Structures are given as structure tokens and as C-alpha cells.
Amino acid sequence: MNRARYAIYYAPAPGTPLWSFGSSVLGYDAATGAAKPPLAPPGVGPEDWARITAQPRRYGFHATLKAPFRLAEGAREDDLVEAGRTFARKRRSFALPDLGIAALDSFVALTPTAHSEPLHALAAASVEAFEPFRAPLAEAELAHRLEARLNPRQREALARWGYPYVFEDFRFHMTLTGPLQAETIPLVMSGLAGLYADHVGGVPTTVDAVTLYVEEAPGEDFRIVDRFVFAAS
């Protein structure tokens, strides 16, 4: 089995305020593969923040479009890159809605403050376009996914697409923390909201590309392989 896993993510262009903010909060820059001094919210110590962000840190700052997958038999990374370039040539850029700090279950993320049909369309197209490159889930991976409380539609999506939260169940989010105790969530949300206002503020963001990430071996940090910029950007 190919040990590497690939993913198609939305990620803002490296160097933009949103990218710098998210990478700093997580303490890791997936474009360079280097650690960054963590940007912790007020009231949370550096060691505690490193622990709180440990889970999302190794995935890099992103929003999932096509969840991590191993390559299908016979497929190569070069094939996936070429497919990404072809995909990008057919797409137009659009404005990302304003983002806000939100609690999703037990973790905190950036989520859009308004619905975006182009964003949902991009996610759906990504799920479908890159599916030929996805190897079936291993039994252990499937069993792990089934530990979550999935409804019948999500179970069907897991079997068909290797991930339960697609199409109607897709929710764009850019994860900033791992699981938190309920009493900690308000403090973290408030602190991150202030940092976001200071570092990103009202700077508009354009969705003008999808990004290919790779995890070379289990447990390694994901890093950016290529960024597929849309032709009409």
C-alpha cells in the first residue's frame, strides 16, 4: 500500500493575511514545512496552546474539499498534479464570504458568515473530479469513520466517496483548535476573534485556487505540493 495520503484543500495564497493568521495560530506553515511561533489567544499559555492545536497543526491551515486519500493503484502524484491543473483551467475565482470564529461541536474554526453557492459547488466538483485517484479506504480507516454517529446519507457517502461530509453535508470550515473542554470554548473563541480582527480584519479573500497537500507517511505533517490557480483569476 502506498503510505502517502493526498488531499485537495482550499488554502489562501501563502503570504496573504489569512494564510499568515491561520498558520501562526496553528504554529506550522504547510507551504514551507516549517514551524512558526504560535499565535496564542490572550489568557492561554504557549504550552497549553501547543497542546490545544496539536491535532489540526499537522494538517496545515486549510478547509477540506476532498478529504485525505491514498492513491489508487497505478496512479502517480504527477497524474494528480496534471488533473489539478486541468480542473483549475475550467474554474473561475470568486469572493470568499466574510469569515467568523465559530464553535463546531468541541473545536473552534473559521466559518463563513453567509452561504456561498460557488463555495459549495467547488467542494462538490472537487469530490467528484479527484475521485478516480482515490484508493478504497482500508478496513481500519473505514471502521474509524464508522465510530462517528453518521446518518444513513452520510454512511452512503462514506461508502461511495470515502468521506461522509460531502454535498448536502459539506460545511466549509478552517480548523483552528483540537477538542476543547466546554468551559474553555468561550475564552478561546473570544481571544481568536480579537486576533483575527487584528491580523486579518476586513481584508477580502478571493477563492482563486485549490491546493494539493501530501502526508508522506502516517503521522507526518501535511505540506503543500502544488497550488492550482483558476484560469479566470
Protein backbone atom coordinates (compact mmCIF):
# COMPACT_ATOMS: atom_id res chain seq x y z
CA MET A 1 0.00 0.00 0.00
CA ASN A 2 1.20 3.50 -0.85
CA ARG A 3 1.76 5.10 2.53
CA ALA A 4 1.35 8.69 1.31
CA ARG A 5 -2.02 10.42 1.56
CA TYR A 6 -3.11 13.36 -0.57
CA ALA A 7 -5.88 15.90 -0.06
CA ILE A 8 -7.49 18.68 -2.06
CA TYR A 9 -7.94 21.68 0.20
CA TYR A 10 -8.88 25.29 -0.04
CA ALA A 11 -5.98 27.33 1.31
CA PRO A 12 -5.40 31.07 0.90
CA ALA A 13 -2.28 32.01 -1.01
CA PRO A 14 0.85 31.89 1.17
CA GLY A 15 1.80 35.35 2.32
CA THR A 16 -1.76 36.67 2.47
CA PRO A 17 -3.12 37.91 5.81
CA LEU A 18 -5.50 34.96 6.14
CA TRP A 19 -2.76 32.41 5.45
CA SER A 20 -0.37 34.09 7.85
CA PHE A 21 -3.02 34.23 10.58
CA GLY A 22 -4.08 30.61 10.29
CA SER A 23 -0.56 29.26 10.02
CA SER A 24 0.55 31.33 13.00
CA VAL A 25 -2.36 30.17 15.14
CA LEU A 26 -1.52 26.55 14.34
CA GLY A 27 2.22 27.12 14.69
CA TYR A 28 3.01 25.49 11.34
CA ASP A 29 3.37 26.71 7.76
CA ALA A 30 2.42 23.97 5.29
CA ALA A 31 3.92 25.95 2.39
CA THR A 32 7.43 25.86 3.86
CA GLY A 33 7.06 22.83 6.12
CA ALA A 34 8.47 24.90 8.99
CA ALA A 35 7.21 25.52 12.49
CA LYS A 36 6.12 29.05 13.38
CA PRO A 37 6.00 30.81 16.75
CA PRO A 38 2.45 30.05 17.92
CA LEU A 39 -0.06 32.88 17.97
CA ALA A 40 -1.98 32.06 21.16
CA PRO A 41 -5.09 33.95 22.31
CA PRO A 42 -4.77 36.07 25.45
CA GLY A 43 -5.10 34.05 28.61
CA VAL A 44 -3.72 30.83 27.12
CA GLY A 45 -0.09 29.93 27.75
CA PRO A 46 2.22 28.79 24.91
CA GLU A 47 2.46 25.20 26.17
CA ASP A 48 -1.28 24.89 26.59
CA TRP A 49 -1.84 26.39 23.14
CA ALA A 50 0.63 23.98 21.56
CA ARG A 51 -1.36 21.13 23.09
CA ILE A 52 -4.72 22.62 22.03
CA THR A 53 -3.60 22.99 18.41
CA ALA A 54 -1.64 19.72 18.16
CA GLN A 55 -4.35 17.84 16.28
CA PRO A 56 -5.01 20.35 13.46
CA ARG A 57 -1.40 21.55 13.29
CA ARG A 58 -0.07 18.64 11.30
CA TYR A 59 -2.76 19.07 8.63
CA GLY A 60 -1.80 22.70 7.99
CA PHE A 61 -4.21 25.59 7.65
CA HIS A 62 -6.98 24.64 5.23
CA ALA A 63 -10.60 23.86 4.53
CA THR A 64 -11.29 20.34 3.26
CA LEU A 65 -12.67 19.95 -0.26
CA LYS A 66 -11.55 16.35 -0.94
CA ALA A 67 -10.59 14.57 2.27
CA PRO A 68 -7.20 12.80 2.58
CA PHE A 69 -6.87 9.67 0.44
CA ARG A 70 -4.27 7.25 -0.78
CA LEU A 71 -3.65 6.98 -4.50
CA ALA A 72 -5.49 4.32 -6.43
CA GLU A 73 -3.42 1.50 -7.88
CA GLY A 74 -1.48 2.73 -10.90
CA ALA A 75 -1.97 6.42 -10.13
CA ARG A 76 1.00 8.71 -9.53
CA GLU A 77 1.46 12.08 -7.92
CA ASP A 78 2.26 13.54 -11.35
CA ASP A 79 -1.14 12.33 -12.59
CA LEU A 80 -2.86 14.03 -9.69
CA VAL A 81 -1.00 17.28 -10.34
CA GLU A 82 -1.99 17.22 -14.01
CA ALA A 83 -5.61 16.58 -13.03
CA GLY A 84 -5.44 19.55 -10.67
CA ARG A 85 -4.19 21.82 -13.43
CA THR A 86 -6.96 20.62 -15.75
CA PHE A 87 -9.53 21.19 -13.02
CA ALA A 88 -8.28 24.73 -12.42
CA ARG A 89 -8.44 25.66 -16.11
CA LYS A 90 -12.21 25.17 -16.02
CA ARG A 91 -12.95 27.31 -12.97
CA ARG A 92 -13.44 30.99 -12.16
CA SER A 93 -12.41 32.77 -8.99
CA PHE A 94 -14.97 34.17 -6.57
CA ALA A 95 -15.06 36.07 -3.31
CA LEU A 96 -14.89 34.11 -0.08
CA PRO A 97 -17.66 35.27 2.26
CA ASP A 98 -16.60 37.05 5.43
CA LEU A 99 -15.34 34.57 8.00
CA GLY A 100 -16.05 34.45 11.70
CA ILE A 101 -14.87 32.44 14.69
CA ALA A 102 -17.32 29.65 15.49
CA ALA A 103 -17.55 26.59 17.73
CA LEU A 104 -18.23 23.36 15.84
CA ASP A 105 -19.00 20.69 18.40
CA SER A 106 -15.94 20.80 20.66
CA PHE A 107 -13.47 22.63 18.40
CA VAL A 108 -13.11 26.18 17.10
CA ALA A 109 -12.84 27.15 13.45
CA LEU A 110 -13.25 29.94 10.95
CA THR A 111 -16.56 29.59 9.09
CA PRO A 112 -18.38 31.76 6.53
CA THR A 113 -20.92 34.19 7.94
CA ALA A 114 -23.10 33.73 4.84
CA HIS A 115 -23.95 30.90 2.46
CA SER A 116 -21.89 30.73 -0.73
CA GLU A 117 -23.22 28.70 -3.63
CA PRO A 118 -19.88 28.92 -5.54
CA LEU A 119 -18.10 27.54 -2.47
CA HIS A 120 -20.45 24.55 -2.21
CA ALA A 121 -20.20 23.99 -5.96
CA LEU A 122 -16.39 23.99 -5.74
CA ALA A 123 -16.46 21.42 -2.94
CA ALA A 124 -18.85 19.15 -4.84
CA ALA A 125 -16.80 19.42 -8.03
CA SER A 126 -13.61 18.60 -6.11
CA VAL A 127 -15.14 15.48 -4.56
CA GLU A 128 -16.15 14.20 -7.99
CA ALA A 129 -13.19 15.31 -10.11
CA PHE A 130 -10.48 13.70 -7.98
CA GLU A 131 -12.39 10.53 -7.10
CA PRO A 132 -10.69 8.41 -9.81
CA PHE A 133 -7.40 8.90 -7.96
CA ARG A 134 -8.69 7.66 -4.58
CA ALA A 135 -7.91 4.18 -3.35
CA PRO A 136 -10.65 2.49 -1.28
CA LEU A 137 -10.45 3.02 2.45
CA ALA A 138 -8.60 0.38 4.40
CA GLU A 139 -10.76 -1.62 6.82
CA ALA A 140 -9.26 0.16 9.82
CA GLU A 141 -9.91 3.58 8.26
CA LEU A 142 -13.50 2.65 7.48
CA ALA A 143 -14.07 1.30 10.99
CA HIS A 144 -12.67 4.51 12.48
CA ARG A 145 -15.03 6.64 10.39
CA LEU A 146 -17.98 4.48 11.38
CA GLU A 147 -17.31 5.24 15.05
CA ALA A 148 -18.88 8.64 14.45
CA ARG A 149 -22.64 8.98 14.66
CA LEU A 150 -23.49 9.09 10.96
CA ASN A 151 -26.93 9.26 9.44
CA PRO A 152 -27.85 6.94 6.53
CA ARG A 153 -26.93 9.55 3.90
CA GLN A 154 -23.51 10.07 5.49
CA ARG A 155 -22.91 6.33 5.67
CA GLU A 156 -23.75 6.06 1.99
CA ALA A 157 -21.37 8.92 1.19
CA LEU A 158 -18.62 7.25 3.21
CA ALA A 159 -19.04 4.06 1.21
CA ARG A 160 -19.19 5.90 -2.14
CA TRP A 161 -16.74 8.77 -1.68
CA GLY A 162 -14.56 7.75 1.28
CA TYR A 163 -15.80 10.65 3.41
CA PRO A 164 -19.21 11.25 5.00
CA TYR A 165 -19.41 15.05 4.92
CA VAL A 166 -19.88 15.83 1.24
CA PHE A 167 -22.54 17.54 -0.88
CA GLU A 168 -25.54 18.30 1.41
CA ASP A 169 -23.40 17.60 4.50
CA PHE A 170 -20.45 19.75 3.44
CA ARG A 171 -19.69 22.60 5.80
CA PHE A 172 -16.77 24.87 4.93
CA HIS A 173 -14.54 25.41 7.96
CA MET A 174 -10.90 26.17 8.66
CA THR A 175 -9.99 24.40 11.89
CA LEU A 176 -8.00 26.33 14.49
CA THR A 177 -8.09 24.04 17.54
CA GLY A 178 -8.46 20.46 18.60
CA PRO A 179 -11.20 19.34 21.01
CA LEU A 180 -11.77 21.70 23.92
CA GLN A 181 -13.46 21.44 27.27
CA ALA A 182 -16.83 23.19 27.17
CA GLU A 183 -15.79 25.78 29.73
CA THR A 184 -12.70 26.70 27.67
CA ILE A 185 -14.50 27.37 24.38
CA PRO A 186 -15.80 30.92 25.12
CA LEU A 187 -12.33 32.12 26.21
CA VAL A 188 -10.67 30.66 23.11
CA MET A 189 -13.35 31.98 20.77
CA SER A 190 -13.13 35.49 22.18
CA GLY A 191 -9.35 35.52 22.04
CA LEU A 192 -9.19 34.20 18.49
CA ALA A 193 -11.84 36.66 17.34
CA GLY A 194 -9.67 39.50 18.60
CA LEU A 195 -6.56 38.11 16.92
CA TYR A 196 -8.44 37.59 13.67
CA ALA A 197 -9.67 41.19 13.71
CA ASP A 198 -6.14 42.44 14.37
CA HIS A 199 -4.34 40.29 11.78
CA VAL A 200 -6.92 39.91 9.01
CA GLY A 201 -9.68 42.42 9.74
CA GLY A 202 -11.75 43.29 6.71
CA VAL A 203 -9.17 42.25 4.10
CA PRO A 204 -11.18 40.46 1.38
CA THR A 205 -10.17 36.98 0.28
CA THR A 206 -10.66 35.51 -3.18
CA VAL A 207 -11.03 31.80 -3.81
CA ASP A 208 -8.77 31.55 -6.83
CA ALA A 209 -7.22 28.10 -6.47
CA VAL A 210 -7.39 24.68 -4.88
CA THR A 211 -4.31 23.26 -3.21
CA LEU A 212 -2.84 19.77 -3.18
CA TYR A 213 -1.39 18.65 0.16
CA VAL A 214 0.50 15.47 0.95
CA GLU A 215 1.26 13.45 4.07
CA GLU A 216 4.32 11.46 3.01
CA ALA A 217 3.95 8.83 5.75
CA PRO A 218 1.47 8.21 8.59
CA GLY A 219 1.82 10.81 11.32
CA GLU A 220 3.95 13.22 9.31
CA ASP A 221 2.87 16.82 8.78
CA PHE A 222 0.91 17.59 5.63
CA ARG A 223 2.66 20.01 3.29
CA ILE A 224 1.71 21.78 0.07
CA VAL A 225 2.65 20.02 -3.17
CA ASP A 226 1.10 22.46 -5.64
CA ARG A 227 -1.48 25.20 -5.88
CA PHE A 228 -3.80 25.05 -8.88
CA VAL A 229 -4.76 28.62 -9.74
CA PHE A 230 -8.00 29.06 -11.63
CA ALA A 231 -7.71 30.24 -15.20
CA ALA A 232 -10.14 33.13 -14.71
CA SER A 233 -8.47 34.66 -11.66
